[in-house]
PDB file of all heavy atoms in Angstrom:
ATOM      1  N   ASN A   1      25.704  12.793   2.253  1.00  0.00           N
ATOM      2  CA  ASN A   1      24.621  12.422   3.137  1.00  0.00           C
ATOM      3  C   ASN A   1      23.479  13.454   3.170  1.00  0.00           C
ATOM      4  O   ASN A   1      22.404  13.160   3.671  1.00  0.00           O
ATOM      5  CB  ASN A   1      25.081  12.146   4.560  1.00  0.00           C
ATOM      6  CG  ASN A   1      25.725  13.349   5.193  1.00  0.00           C
ATOM      7  OD1 ASN A   1      25.877  14.364   4.563  1.00  0.00           O
ATOM      8  ND2 ASN A   1      26.118  13.173   6.463  1.00  0.00           N
ATOM      9  N   GLU A   2      23.646  14.641   2.585  1.00  0.00           N
ATOM     10  CA  GLU A   2      22.589  15.622   2.581  1.00  0.00           C
ATOM     11  C   GLU A   2      21.454  15.230   1.667  1.00  0.00           C
ATOM     12  O   GLU A   2      20.311  15.563   1.893  1.00  0.00           O
ATOM     13  CB  GLU A   2      23.117  16.989   2.173  1.00  0.00           C
ATOM     14  CG  GLU A   2      23.999  17.652   3.269  1.00  0.00           C
ATOM     15  CD  GLU A   2      24.538  18.979   2.843  1.00  0.00           C
ATOM     16  OE1 GLU A   2      24.120  19.483   1.805  1.00  0.00           O
ATOM     17  OE2 GLU A   2      25.411  19.490   3.557  1.00  0.00           O
ATOM     18  N   HIS A   3      21.765  14.522   0.596  1.00  0.00           N
ATOM     19  CA  HIS A   3      20.737  14.085  -0.373  1.00  0.00           C
ATOM     20  C   HIS A   3      20.023  12.813   0.078  1.00  0.00           C
ATOM     21  O   HIS A   3      18.966  12.481  -0.417  1.00  0.00           O
ATOM     22  CB  HIS A   3      21.337  13.866  -1.729  1.00  0.00           C
ATOM     23  CG  HIS A   3      21.860  15.115  -2.340  1.00  0.00           C
ATOM     24  ND1 HIS A   3      21.052  16.089  -2.808  1.00  0.00           N
ATOM     25  CD2 HIS A   3      23.136  15.589  -2.561  1.00  0.00           C
ATOM     26  CE1 HIS A   3      21.727  17.089  -3.272  1.00  0.00           C
ATOM     27  NE2 HIS A   3      23.034  16.810  -3.141  1.00  0.00           N
ATOM     28  N   GLN A   4      20.562  12.144   1.065  1.00  0.00           N
ATOM     29  CA  GLN A   4      19.961  10.924   1.555  1.00  0.00           C
ATOM     30  C   GLN A   4      18.754  11.194   2.470  1.00  0.00           C
ATOM     31  O   GLN A   4      17.953  10.296   2.698  1.00  0.00           O
ATOM     32  CB  GLN A   4      20.973  10.076   2.298  1.00  0.00           C
ATOM     33  CG  GLN A   4      22.036   9.533   1.387  1.00  0.00           C
ATOM     34  CD  GLN A   4      23.130   8.761   2.124  1.00  0.00           C
ATOM     35  OE1 GLN A   4      23.128   8.754   3.339  1.00  0.00           O
ATOM     36  NE2 GLN A   4      24.035   8.174   1.408  1.00  0.00           N
ATOM     37  N   ASP A   5      18.597  12.421   2.937  1.00  0.00           N
ATOM     38  CA  ASP A   5      17.484  12.777   3.798  1.00  0.00           C
ATOM     39  C   ASP A   5      16.170  12.740   3.068  1.00  0.00           C
ATOM     40  O   ASP A   5      15.096  12.544   3.676  1.00  0.00           O
ATOM     41  CB  ASP A   5      17.666  14.164   4.420  1.00  0.00           C
ATOM     42  CG  ASP A   5      18.862  14.172   5.365  1.00  0.00           C
ATOM     43  OD1 ASP A   5      19.236  13.096   5.850  1.00  0.00           O
ATOM     44  OD2 ASP A   5      19.377  15.253   5.642  1.00  0.00           O
ATOM     45  N   LYS A   6      16.147  12.923   1.770  1.00  0.00           N
ATOM     46  CA  LYS A   6      14.898  12.936   1.004  1.00  0.00           C
ATOM     47  C   LYS A   6      14.642  11.528   0.451  1.00  0.00           C
ATOM     48  O   LYS A   6      15.067  11.143  -0.623  1.00  0.00           O
ATOM     49  CB  LYS A   6      15.040  13.915  -0.194  1.00  0.00           C
ATOM     50  CG  LYS A   6      15.177  15.375   0.273  1.00  0.00           C
ATOM     51  CD  LYS A   6      15.242  16.293  -0.901  1.00  0.00           C
ATOM     52  CE  LYS A   6      15.365  17.715  -0.440  1.00  0.00           C
ATOM     53  NZ  LYS A   6      15.419  18.670  -1.544  1.00  0.00           N
ATOM     54  N   LYS A   7      13.940  10.749   1.259  1.00  0.00           N
ATOM     55  CA  LYS A   7      13.615   9.411   0.874  1.00  0.00           C
ATOM     56  C   LYS A   7      12.342   9.375   0.113  1.00  0.00           C
ATOM     57  O   LYS A   7      11.365  10.084   0.436  1.00  0.00           O
ATOM     58  CB  LYS A   7      13.473   8.501   2.101  1.00  0.00           C
ATOM     59  CG  LYS A   7      14.788   8.362   2.885  1.00  0.00           C
ATOM     60  CD  LYS A   7      14.590   7.514   4.109  1.00  0.00           C
ATOM     61  CE  LYS A   7      15.860   7.422   4.884  1.00  0.00           C
ATOM     62  NZ  LYS A   7      15.705   6.647   6.095  1.00  0.00           N
ATOM     63  N   PRO A   8      12.240   8.595  -0.948  1.00  0.00           N
ATOM     64  CA  PRO A   8      10.953   8.493  -1.699  1.00  0.00           C
ATOM     65  C   PRO A   8       9.894   7.886  -0.816  1.00  0.00           C
ATOM     66  O   PRO A   8      10.176   7.058   0.037  1.00  0.00           O
ATOM     67  CB  PRO A   8      11.278   7.577  -2.878  1.00  0.00           C
ATOM     68  CG  PRO A   8      12.587   6.948  -2.553  1.00  0.00           C
ATOM     69  CD  PRO A   8      13.263   7.781  -1.504  1.00  0.00           C
ATOM     70  N   ARG A   9       8.674   8.322  -1.018  1.00  0.00           N
ATOM     71  CA  ARG A   9       7.552   7.861  -0.252  1.00  0.00           C
ATOM     72  C   ARG A   9       6.996   6.582  -0.877  1.00  0.00           C
ATOM     73  O   ARG A   9       7.095   6.362  -2.093  1.00  0.00           O
ATOM     74  CB  ARG A   9       6.468   8.889  -0.198  1.00  0.00           C
ATOM     75  CG  ARG A   9       6.942  10.200   0.407  1.00  0.00           C
ATOM     76  CD  ARG A   9       5.882  11.224   0.333  1.00  0.00           C
ATOM     77  NE  ARG A   9       5.074  11.115   1.578  1.00  0.00           N
ATOM     78  CZ  ARG A   9       3.998  11.727   1.818  1.00  0.00           C
ATOM     79  NH1 ARG A   9       3.487  12.570   0.879  1.00  0.00           N
ATOM     80  NH2 ARG A   9       3.337  11.617   2.954  1.00  0.00           N
ATOM     81  N   ALA A  10       6.385   5.778  -0.039  1.00  0.00           N
ATOM     82  CA  ALA A  10       5.743   4.560  -0.508  1.00  0.00           C
ATOM     83  C   ALA A  10       4.591   4.936  -1.400  1.00  0.00           C
ATOM     84  O   ALA A  10       3.912   5.980  -1.160  1.00  0.00           O
ATOM     85  CB  ALA A  10       5.275   3.723   0.661  1.00  0.00           C
ATOM     86  N   PRO A  11       4.280   4.189  -2.431  1.00  0.00           N
ATOM     87  CA  PRO A  11       3.145   4.477  -3.271  1.00  0.00           C
ATOM     88  C   PRO A  11       1.831   4.495  -2.458  1.00  0.00           C
ATOM     89  O   PRO A  11       1.685   3.765  -1.499  1.00  0.00           O
ATOM     90  CB  PRO A  11       3.087   3.352  -4.284  1.00  0.00           C
ATOM     91  CG  PRO A  11       4.412   2.734  -4.233  1.00  0.00           C
ATOM     92  CD  PRO A  11       4.966   2.950  -2.860  1.00  0.00           C
ATOM     93  N   ASP A  12       0.879   5.345  -2.890  1.00  0.00           N
ATOM     94  CA  ASP A  12      -0.411   5.427  -2.228  1.00  0.00           C
ATOM     95  C   ASP A  12      -1.306   4.333  -2.766  1.00  0.00           C
ATOM     96  O   ASP A  12      -1.822   4.472  -3.827  1.00  0.00           O
ATOM     97  CB  ASP A  12      -0.998   6.819  -2.438  1.00  0.00           C
ATOM     98  CG  ASP A  12      -2.283   7.036  -1.687  1.00  0.00           C
ATOM     99  OD1 ASP A  12      -2.771   6.050  -1.008  1.00  0.00           O
ATOM    100  OD2 ASP A  12      -2.803   8.195  -1.724  1.00  0.00           O
ATOM    101  N   CYS A  13      -1.506   3.318  -1.978  1.00  0.00           N
ATOM    102  CA  CYS A  13      -2.331   2.173  -2.353  1.00  0.00           C
ATOM    103  C   CYS A  13      -3.781   2.562  -2.743  1.00  0.00           C
ATOM    104  O   CYS A  13      -4.390   1.951  -3.606  1.00  0.00           O
ATOM    105  CB  CYS A  13      -2.432   1.132  -1.255  1.00  0.00           C
ATOM    106  SG  CYS A  13      -0.861   0.312  -0.921  1.00  0.00           S
ATOM    107  N   LEU A  14      -4.267   3.609  -2.129  1.00  0.00           N
ATOM    108  CA  LEU A  14      -5.634   4.060  -2.423  1.00  0.00           C
ATOM    109  C   LEU A  14      -5.776   4.503  -3.846  1.00  0.00           C
ATOM    110  O   LEU A  14      -6.901   4.539  -4.373  1.00  0.00           O
ATOM    111  CB  LEU A  14      -6.040   5.159  -1.448  1.00  0.00           C
ATOM    112  CG  LEU A  14      -6.033   4.776   0.014  1.00  0.00           C
ATOM    113  CD1 LEU A  14      -6.384   5.994   0.876  1.00  0.00           C
ATOM    114  CD2 LEU A  14      -6.934   3.632   0.332  1.00  0.00           C
ATOM    115  N   LYS A  15      -4.688   4.787  -4.506  1.00  0.00           N
ATOM    116  CA  LYS A  15      -4.711   5.265  -5.912  1.00  0.00           C
ATOM    117  C   LYS A  15      -4.216   4.154  -6.877  1.00  0.00           C
ATOM    118  O   LYS A  15      -3.998   4.454  -8.047  1.00  0.00           O
ATOM    119  CB  LYS A  15      -3.786   6.491  -6.041  1.00  0.00           C
ATOM    120  CG  LYS A  15      -4.312   7.693  -5.256  1.00  0.00           C
ATOM    121  CD  LYS A  15      -3.369   8.854  -5.359  1.00  0.00           C
ATOM    122  CE  LYS A  15      -3.890   9.988  -4.529  1.00  0.00           C
ATOM    123  NZ  LYS A  15      -2.969  11.148  -4.567  1.00  0.00           N
ATOM    124  N   CYS A  16      -4.101   2.931  -6.347  1.00  0.00           N
ATOM    125  CA  CYS A  16      -3.615   1.826  -7.186  1.00  0.00           C
ATOM    126  C   CYS A  16      -4.768   0.939  -7.656  1.00  0.00           C
ATOM    127  O   CYS A  16      -5.680   0.671  -6.910  1.00  0.00           O
ATOM    128  CB  CYS A  16      -2.620   1.010  -6.352  1.00  0.00           C
ATOM    129  SG  CYS A  16      -1.913  -0.372  -7.267  1.00  0.00           S
ATOM    130  N   VAL A  17      -4.650   0.458  -8.913  1.00  0.00           N
ATOM    131  CA  VAL A  17      -5.717  -0.428  -9.435  1.00  0.00           C
ATOM    132  C   VAL A  17      -5.751  -1.786  -8.717  1.00  0.00           C
ATOM    133  O   VAL A  17      -6.799  -2.424  -8.763  1.00  0.00           O
ATOM    134  CB  VAL A  17      -5.505  -0.685 -10.956  1.00  0.00           C
ATOM    135  CG1 VAL A  17      -5.618   0.625 -11.745  1.00  0.00           C
ATOM    136  CG2 VAL A  17      -4.199  -1.341 -11.247  1.00  0.00           C
ATOM    137  N   TYR A  18      -4.730  -2.194  -8.075  1.00  0.00           N
ATOM    138  CA  TYR A  18      -4.682  -3.471  -7.378  1.00  0.00           C
ATOM    139  C   TYR A  18      -5.154  -3.400  -5.903  1.00  0.00           C
ATOM    140  O   TYR A  18      -5.303  -4.442  -5.281  1.00  0.00           O
ATOM    141  CB  TYR A  18      -3.277  -4.032  -7.405  1.00  0.00           C
ATOM    142  CG  TYR A  18      -2.738  -4.207  -8.799  1.00  0.00           C
ATOM    143  CD1 TYR A  18      -1.623  -3.501  -9.238  1.00  0.00           C
ATOM    144  CD2 TYR A  18      -3.378  -5.064  -9.689  1.00  0.00           C
ATOM    145  CE1 TYR A  18      -1.177  -3.653 -10.536  1.00  0.00           C
ATOM    146  CE2 TYR A  18      -2.907  -5.223 -10.976  1.00  0.00           C
ATOM    147  CZ  TYR A  18      -1.806  -4.498 -11.414  1.00  0.00           C
ATOM    148  OH  TYR A  18      -1.346  -4.674 -12.693  1.00  0.00           O
ATOM    149  N   PHE A  19      -5.450  -2.246  -5.406  1.00  0.00           N
ATOM    150  CA  PHE A  19      -5.913  -2.103  -4.016  1.00  0.00           C
ATOM    151  C   PHE A  19      -7.344  -2.518  -3.933  1.00  0.00           C
ATOM    152  O   PHE A  19      -8.204  -2.134  -4.738  1.00  0.00           O
ATOM    153  CB  PHE A  19      -5.748  -0.648  -3.585  1.00  0.00           C
ATOM    154  CG  PHE A  19      -6.278  -0.415  -2.173  1.00  0.00           C
ATOM    155  CD1 PHE A  19      -5.572  -0.809  -1.076  1.00  0.00           C
ATOM    156  CD2 PHE A  19      -7.505   0.188  -1.979  1.00  0.00           C
ATOM    157  CE1 PHE A  19      -6.013  -0.625   0.229  1.00  0.00           C
ATOM    158  CE2 PHE A  19      -7.956   0.415  -0.685  1.00  0.00           C
ATOM    159  CZ  PHE A  19      -7.247   0.014   0.411  1.00  0.00           C
ATOM    160  N   LYS A  20      -7.681  -3.260  -2.918  1.00  0.00           N
ATOM    161  CA  LYS A  20      -9.035  -3.747  -2.653  1.00  0.00           C
ATOM    162  C   LYS A  20      -9.373  -3.525  -1.130  1.00  0.00           C
ATOM    163  O   LYS A  20      -8.500  -3.559  -0.342  1.00  0.00           O
ATOM    164  CB  LYS A  20      -9.211  -5.230  -2.982  1.00  0.00           C
ATOM    165  CG  LYS A  20      -8.788  -5.616  -4.403  1.00  0.00           C
ATOM    166  CD  LYS A  20      -9.717  -5.028  -5.447  1.00  0.00           C
ATOM    167  CE  LYS A  20      -9.234  -5.460  -6.812  1.00  0.00           C
ATOM    168  NZ  LYS A  20      -9.579  -4.514  -7.819  1.00  0.00           N
ATOM    169  N   VAL A  21     -10.647  -3.382  -0.893  1.00  0.00           N
ATOM    170  CA  VAL A  21     -11.146  -3.320   0.470  1.00  0.00           C
ATOM    171  C   VAL A  21     -11.801  -4.644   0.755  1.00  0.00           C
ATOM    172  O   VAL A  21     -12.603  -5.123  -0.056  1.00  0.00           O
ATOM    173  CB  VAL A  21     -12.129  -2.167   0.642  1.00  0.00           C
ATOM    174  CG1 VAL A  21     -12.735  -2.189   2.055  1.00  0.00           C
ATOM    175  CG2 VAL A  21     -11.490  -0.821   0.361  1.00  0.00           C
ATOM    176  N   THR A  22     -11.451  -5.262   1.915  1.00  0.00           N
ATOM    177  CA  THR A  22     -12.000  -6.587   2.185  1.00  0.00           C
ATOM    178  C   THR A  22     -13.202  -6.398   3.153  1.00  0.00           C
ATOM    179  O   THR A  22     -13.454  -5.319   3.694  1.00  0.00           O
ATOM    180  CB  THR A  22     -10.991  -7.486   2.871  1.00  0.00           C
ATOM    181  OG1 THR A  22     -10.767  -7.061   4.222  1.00  0.00           O
ATOM    182  CG2 THR A  22      -9.686  -7.525   2.112  1.00  0.00           C
ATOM    183  N   TRP A  23     -13.884  -7.478   3.405  1.00  0.00           N
ATOM    184  CA  TRP A  23     -15.004  -7.538   4.414  1.00  0.00           C
ATOM    185  C   TRP A  23     -14.533  -7.897   5.759  1.00  0.00           C
ATOM    186  O   TRP A  23     -15.291  -8.031   6.680  1.00  0.00           O
ATOM    187  CB  TRP A  23     -16.094  -8.494   3.908  1.00  0.00           C
ATOM    188  CG  TRP A  23     -16.847  -7.983   2.756  1.00  0.00           C
ATOM    189  CD1 TRP A  23     -16.651  -8.281   1.424  1.00  0.00           C
ATOM    190  CD2 TRP A  23     -17.911  -7.049   2.763  1.00  0.00           C
ATOM    191  NE1 TRP A  23     -17.549  -7.617   0.642  1.00  0.00           N
ATOM    192  CE2 TRP A  23     -18.329  -6.828   1.442  1.00  0.00           C
ATOM    193  CE3 TRP A  23     -18.590  -6.387   3.772  1.00  0.00           C
ATOM    194  CZ2 TRP A  23     -19.383  -6.009   1.112  1.00  0.00           C
ATOM    195  CZ3 TRP A  23     -19.638  -5.530   3.474  1.00  0.00           C
ATOM    196  CH2 TRP A  23     -20.004  -5.341   2.137  1.00  0.00           C
ATOM    197  N   GLU A  24     -13.240  -8.196   5.887  1.00  0.00           N
ATOM    198  CA  GLU A  24     -12.687  -8.677   7.176  1.00  0.00           C
ATOM    199  C   GLU A  24     -12.255  -7.481   8.024  1.00  0.00           C
ATOM    200  O   GLU A  24     -11.303  -6.772   7.690  1.00  0.00           O
ATOM    201  CB  GLU A  24     -11.472  -9.542   6.887  1.00  0.00           C
ATOM    202  CG  GLU A  24     -11.799 -10.810   6.130  1.00  0.00           C
ATOM    203  CD  GLU A  24     -10.567 -11.655   5.838  1.00  0.00           C
ATOM    204  OE1 GLU A  24      -9.782 -11.869   6.767  1.00  0.00           O
ATOM    205  OE2 GLU A  24     -10.381 -12.061   4.658  1.00  0.00           O
ATOM    206  N   PRO A  25     -12.959  -7.254   9.130  1.00  0.00           N
ATOM    207  CA  PRO A  25     -12.598  -6.112  10.000  1.00  0.00           C
ATOM    208  C   PRO A  25     -11.145  -6.129  10.481  1.00  0.00           C
ATOM    209  O   PRO A  25     -10.573  -5.059  10.669  1.00  0.00           O
ATOM    210  CB  PRO A  25     -13.578  -6.222  11.152  1.00  0.00           C
ATOM    211  CG  PRO A  25     -14.714  -7.046  10.629  1.00  0.00           C
ATOM    212  CD  PRO A  25     -14.099  -7.963   9.633  1.00  0.00           C
ATOM    213  N   ALA A  26     -10.604  -7.287  10.725  1.00  0.00           N
ATOM    214  CA  ALA A  26      -9.223  -7.358  11.224  1.00  0.00           C
ATOM    215  C   ALA A  26      -8.210  -7.048  10.110  1.00  0.00           C
ATOM    216  O   ALA A  26      -7.078  -6.641  10.416  1.00  0.00           O
ATOM    217  CB  ALA A  26      -8.968  -8.713  11.791  1.00  0.00           C
ATOM    218  N   PHE A  27      -8.580  -7.289   8.886  1.00  0.00           N
ATOM    219  CA  PHE A  27      -7.660  -7.064   7.719  1.00  0.00           C
ATOM    220  C   PHE A  27      -8.432  -6.356   6.592  1.00  0.00           C
ATOM    221  O   PHE A  27      -8.729  -6.986   5.583  1.00  0.00           O
ATOM    222  CB  PHE A  27      -7.124  -8.431   7.257  1.00  0.00           C
ATOM    223  CG  PHE A  27      -6.467  -9.184   8.308  1.00  0.00           C
ATOM    224  CD1 PHE A  27      -7.070 -10.325   8.835  1.00  0.00           C
ATOM    225  CD2 PHE A  27      -5.231  -8.853   8.832  1.00  0.00           C
ATOM    226  CE1 PHE A  27      -6.487 -11.077   9.857  1.00  0.00           C
ATOM    227  CE2 PHE A  27      -4.637  -9.575   9.820  1.00  0.00           C
ATOM    228  CZ  PHE A  27      -5.261 -10.688  10.332  1.00  0.00           C
ATOM    229  N   PRO A  28      -8.706  -5.085   6.770  1.00  0.00           N
ATOM    230  CA  PRO A  28      -9.589  -4.389   5.786  1.00  0.00           C
ATOM    231  C   PRO A  28      -8.966  -3.997   4.463  1.00  0.00           C
ATOM    232  O   PRO A  28      -9.641  -3.682   3.489  1.00  0.00           O
ATOM    233  CB  PRO A  28     -10.010  -3.157   6.572  1.00  0.00           C
ATOM    234  CG  PRO A  28      -8.908  -2.906   7.511  1.00  0.00           C
ATOM    235  CD  PRO A  28      -8.349  -4.262   7.900  1.00  0.00           C
ATOM    236  N   ARG A  29      -7.609  -4.055   4.363  1.00  0.00           N
ATOM    237  CA  ARG A  29      -6.955  -3.596   3.130  1.00  0.00           C
ATOM    238  C   ARG A  29      -6.239  -4.747   2.452  1.00  0.00           C
ATOM    239  O   ARG A  29      -5.667  -5.586   3.136  1.00  0.00           O
ATOM    240  CB  ARG A  29      -5.962  -2.477   3.456  1.00  0.00           C
ATOM    241  CG  ARG A  29      -6.678  -1.290   4.055  1.00  0.00           C
ATOM    242  CD  ARG A  29      -5.673  -0.274   4.558  1.00  0.00           C
ATOM    243  NE  ARG A  29      -6.382   0.851   5.140  1.00  0.00           N
ATOM    244  CZ  ARG A  29      -6.578   0.994   6.442  1.00  0.00           C
ATOM    245  NH1 ARG A  29      -6.199   0.129   7.269  1.00  0.00           N
ATOM    246  NH2 ARG A  29      -7.276   2.060   6.892  1.00  0.00           N
ATOM    247  N   SER A  30      -6.297  -4.776   1.114  1.00  0.00           N
ATOM    248  CA  SER A  30      -5.759  -5.904   0.387  1.00  0.00           C
ATOM    249  C   SER A  30      -5.069  -5.464  -0.904  1.00  0.00           C
ATOM    250  O   SER A  30      -5.430  -4.463  -1.444  1.00  0.00           O
ATOM    251  CB  SER A  30      -6.924  -6.842   0.034  1.00  0.00           C
ATOM    252  OG  SER A  30      -6.475  -7.950  -0.720  1.00  0.00           O
ATOM    253  N   CYS A  31      -4.152  -6.285  -1.343  1.00  0.00           N
ATOM    254  CA  CYS A  31      -3.447  -6.078  -2.620  1.00  0.00           C
ATOM    255  C   CYS A  31      -3.674  -7.318  -3.494  1.00  0.00           C
ATOM    256  O   CYS A  31      -3.301  -8.458  -3.041  1.00  0.00           O
ATOM    257  CB  CYS A  31      -1.982  -5.870  -2.409  1.00  0.00           C
ATOM    258  SG  CYS A  31      -1.005  -5.736  -3.953  1.00  0.00           S
ATOM    259  N   ALA A  32      -4.224  -7.143  -4.672  1.00  0.00           N
ATOM    260  CA  ALA A  32      -4.535  -8.251  -5.564  1.00  0.00           C
ATOM    261  C   ALA A  32      -3.234  -8.872  -6.125  1.00  0.00           C
ATOM    262  O   ALA A  32      -3.209 -10.061  -6.434  1.00  0.00           O
ATOM    263  CB  ALA A  32      -5.409  -7.790  -6.702  1.00  0.00           C
ATOM    264  N   VAL A  33      -2.190  -8.083  -6.248  1.00  0.00           N
ATOM    265  CA  VAL A  33      -0.909  -8.633  -6.809  1.00  0.00           C
ATOM    266  C   VAL A  33      -0.198  -9.528  -5.801  1.00  0.00           C
ATOM    267  O   VAL A  33       0.190 -10.641  -6.152  1.00  0.00           O
ATOM    268  CB  VAL A  33       0.029  -7.476  -7.255  1.00  0.00           C
ATOM    269  CG1 VAL A  33       1.393  -7.990  -7.638  1.00  0.00           C
ATOM    270  CG2 VAL A  33      -0.585  -6.711  -8.395  1.00  0.00           C
ATOM    271  N   PHE A  34      -0.045  -9.069  -4.599  1.00  0.00           N
ATOM    272  CA  PHE A  34       0.750  -9.773  -3.610  1.00  0.00           C
ATOM    273  C   PHE A  34      -0.092 -10.686  -2.712  1.00  0.00           C
ATOM    274  O   PHE A  34       0.489 -11.452  -1.924  1.00  0.00           O
ATOM    275  CB  PHE A  34       1.580  -8.834  -2.733  1.00  0.00           C
ATOM    276  CG  PHE A  34       2.656  -8.131  -3.487  1.00  0.00           C
ATOM    277  CD1 PHE A  34       2.507  -6.798  -3.888  1.00  0.00           C
ATOM    278  CD2 PHE A  34       3.805  -8.786  -3.807  1.00  0.00           C
ATOM    279  CE1 PHE A  34       3.495  -6.167  -4.599  1.00  0.00           C
ATOM    280  CE2 PHE A  34       4.806  -8.181  -4.536  1.00  0.00           C
ATOM    281  CZ  PHE A  34       4.639  -6.870  -4.938  1.00  0.00           C
ATOM    282  N   GLY A  35      -1.394 -10.569  -2.783  1.00  0.00           N
ATOM    283  CA  GLY A  35      -2.254 -11.420  -1.921  1.00  0.00           C
ATOM    284  C   GLY A  35      -2.152 -11.020  -0.474  1.00  0.00           C
ATOM    285  O   GLY A  35      -2.401 -11.829   0.394  1.00  0.00           O
ATOM    286  N   ILE A  36      -1.850  -9.766  -0.221  1.00  0.00           N
ATOM    287  CA  ILE A  36      -1.702  -9.275   1.148  1.00  0.00           C
ATOM    288  C   ILE A  36      -3.071  -8.806   1.657  1.00  0.00           C
ATOM    289  O   ILE A  36      -3.794  -8.131   0.949  1.00  0.00           O
ATOM    290  CB  ILE A  36      -0.748  -8.075   1.206  1.00  0.00           C
ATOM    291  CG1 ILE A  36       0.647  -8.498   0.755  1.00  0.00           C
ATOM    292  CG2 ILE A  36      -0.734  -7.396   2.549  1.00  0.00           C
ATOM    293  CD1 ILE A  36       1.604  -7.319   0.546  1.00  0.00           C
ATOM    294  N   LYS A  37      -3.398  -9.142   2.901  1.00  0.00           N
ATOM    295  CA  LYS A  37      -4.528  -8.594   3.623  1.00  0.00           C
ATOM    296  C   LYS A  37      -3.918  -8.071   4.903  1.00  0.00           C
ATOM    297  O   LYS A  37      -3.218  -8.770   5.616  1.00  0.00           O
ATOM    298  CB  LYS A  37      -5.577  -9.630   3.918  1.00  0.00           C
ATOM    299  CG  LYS A  37      -6.347 -10.095   2.709  1.00  0.00           C
ATOM    300  CD  LYS A  37      -7.423 -11.117   3.145  1.00  0.00           C
ATOM    301  CE  LYS A  37      -8.142 -11.649   1.925  1.00  0.00           C
ATOM    302  NZ  LYS A  37      -9.176 -12.622   2.361  1.00  0.00           N
TER     303      LYS A  37
END
């Protein structure tokens, strides 16, 4: 269990080619792959 404390971090979307900024103030961040806003 000592090695389980080091969990990998989520990828930084700001550095991803699929990350987009939307014009929607309520949902400003988007992913082109998953269609998430």
